Amino acid sequence: MSGRIYLLNGPNLNLLGEREPEIYGRHTLADIETQCQAQAERHQLELVAHQTNAEHEMVGWLHEARHAAGIIINPAAFCYHSVAVLDALKICECPVVEVHISNIHWREDWRSK
């Protein structure tokens, strides 16, 4: 393997496929991890996938990943209120890509403020 990529998912993403499928779809987090694993293997990368509902776990994984080949993060609700997650992201020396499953600005008015 030529590098390690971290796939980090925040609160409530463990319920993908069940939670509001009209917004988030019917794929489970396991489905997404399987797709990402296949892509990682094609590029000779090791995928480390984690999901948490606990802010301190996310911060710990970001510390662990800070020197990785890259981080793909769906911080979910952490992106709105977590200074700790933001500070941990700032420490990361590798490329970081933030992704969301839905359009976060479209869902609720308060999200765009």
Protein backbone atom coordinates (compact mmCIF):
# COMPACT_ATOMS: atom_id res chain seq x y z
CA MET A 1 0.00 0.00 0.00
CA SER A 2 1.27 3.45 -0.84
CA GLY A 3 -0.74 5.39 1.71
CA ARG A 4 -3.59 5.50 4.13
CA ILE A 5 -6.85 7.38 3.59
CA TYR A 6 -9.21 8.04 6.46
CA LEU A 7 -12.97 8.06 5.84
CA LEU A 8 -14.53 9.76 8.89
CA ASN A 9 -18.26 10.09 9.42
CA GLY A 10 -20.01 12.07 12.13
CA PRO A 11 -23.25 11.90 14.09
CA ASN A 12 -26.24 9.89 12.92
CA LEU A 13 -24.55 8.61 9.78
CA ASN A 14 -24.68 5.12 11.29
CA LEU A 15 -28.42 5.29 10.47
CA LEU A 16 -28.03 5.91 6.74
CA GLY A 17 -30.56 3.93 4.78
CA GLU A 18 -33.06 4.21 7.65
CA ARG A 19 -32.98 7.89 8.56
CA GLU A 20 -34.98 10.16 6.25
CA PRO A 21 -34.30 8.16 3.08
CA GLU A 22 -36.02 10.85 1.01
CA ILE A 23 -33.11 13.16 1.94
CA TYR A 24 -30.20 10.79 2.53
CA GLY A 25 -31.08 7.89 0.24
CA ARG A 26 -31.37 4.16 0.90
CA HIS A 27 -27.66 3.27 0.87
CA THR A 28 -26.23 2.33 4.25
CA LEU A 29 -22.92 3.51 5.63
CA ALA A 30 -21.63 -0.02 5.03
CA ASP A 31 -22.58 0.34 1.35
CA ILE A 32 -20.63 3.59 1.10
CA GLU A 33 -17.62 2.14 2.91
CA THR A 34 -17.61 -0.84 0.51
CA GLN A 35 -17.59 1.51 -2.49
CA CYS A 36 -14.80 3.60 -0.97
CA GLN A 37 -12.80 0.46 -0.14
CA ALA A 38 -12.97 -0.65 -3.77
CA GLN A 39 -11.73 2.76 -4.95
CA ALA A 40 -8.93 2.78 -2.38
CA GLU A 41 -7.74 -0.66 -3.47
CA ARG A 42 -7.72 0.45 -7.12
CA HIS A 43 -5.31 3.21 -6.14
CA GLN A 44 -3.27 0.99 -3.82
CA LEU A 45 -4.41 2.86 -0.73
CA GLU A 46 -5.43 1.54 2.65
CA LEU A 47 -8.85 2.79 3.78
CA VAL A 48 -9.51 3.37 7.47
CA ALA A 49 -13.22 4.01 8.02
CA HIS A 50 -14.80 5.26 11.25
CA GLN A 51 -18.17 6.67 12.30
CA THR A 52 -18.97 8.29 15.63
CA ASN A 53 -21.67 10.16 17.44
CA ALA A 54 -19.07 11.41 19.94
CA GLU A 55 -17.07 14.56 19.26
CA HIS A 56 -14.03 13.44 21.26
CA GLU A 57 -13.69 10.28 19.13
CA MET A 58 -13.71 12.35 15.93
CA VAL A 59 -11.00 14.63 17.34
CA GLY A 60 -8.89 11.59 18.27
CA TRP A 61 -9.20 10.11 14.78
CA LEU A 62 -8.24 13.43 13.20
CA HIS A 63 -5.14 13.53 15.38
CA GLU A 64 -4.34 9.97 14.29
CA ALA A 65 -4.91 10.84 10.61
CA ARG A 66 -3.05 14.15 10.50
CA HIS A 67 -0.07 12.68 8.59
CA ALA A 68 -2.07 10.29 6.37
CA ALA A 69 -2.27 10.44 2.58
CA GLY A 70 -5.64 12.14 3.00
CA ILE A 71 -8.87 12.51 4.94
CA ILE A 72 -12.41 12.35 3.63
CA ILE A 73 -14.76 13.65 6.30
CA ASN A 74 -18.50 14.01 6.57
CA PRO A 75 -18.64 15.84 9.88
CA ALA A 76 -22.45 15.96 9.78
CA ALA A 77 -23.69 18.11 12.68
CA PHE A 78 -20.12 18.67 13.89
CA CYS A 79 -19.63 21.13 11.02
CA TYR A 80 -22.08 23.58 12.63
CA HIS A 81 -20.96 23.73 16.22
CA SER A 82 -17.71 21.89 16.87
CA VAL A 83 -14.76 24.17 17.42
CA ALA A 84 -12.84 21.11 18.61
CA VAL A 85 -13.30 19.30 15.27
CA LEU A 86 -12.39 22.45 13.34
CA ASP A 87 -9.24 22.92 15.42
CA ALA A 88 -8.27 19.26 14.87
CA LEU A 89 -8.78 19.68 11.11
CA LYS A 90 -6.46 22.70 11.13
CA ILE A 91 -3.70 20.52 12.59
CA CYS A 92 -3.91 18.03 9.71
CA GLU A 93 -0.98 18.23 7.31
CA CYS A 94 -2.61 16.10 4.60
CA PRO A 95 -5.31 16.93 2.07
CA VAL A 96 -8.79 17.05 3.63
CA VAL A 97 -12.01 16.79 1.66
CA GLU A 98 -15.33 17.59 3.38
CA VAL A 99 -18.33 15.83 1.87
CA HIS A 100 -22.05 15.76 2.62
CA ILE A 101 -24.72 13.43 1.31
CA SER A 102 -27.32 16.14 0.83
CA ASN A 103 -27.22 19.83 0.01
CA ILE A 104 -26.75 21.29 3.49
CA HIS A 105 -27.83 24.77 2.39
CA TRP A 106 -31.07 23.52 0.84
CA ARG A 107 -32.36 21.45 3.77
CA GLU A 108 -33.08 24.07 6.42
CA ASP A 109 -32.87 27.86 6.32
CA TRP A 110 -30.81 28.09 9.51
CA ARG A 111 -27.98 26.06 7.96
CA SER A 112 -27.12 28.83 5.49
CA LYS A 113 -26.61 31.47 8.19
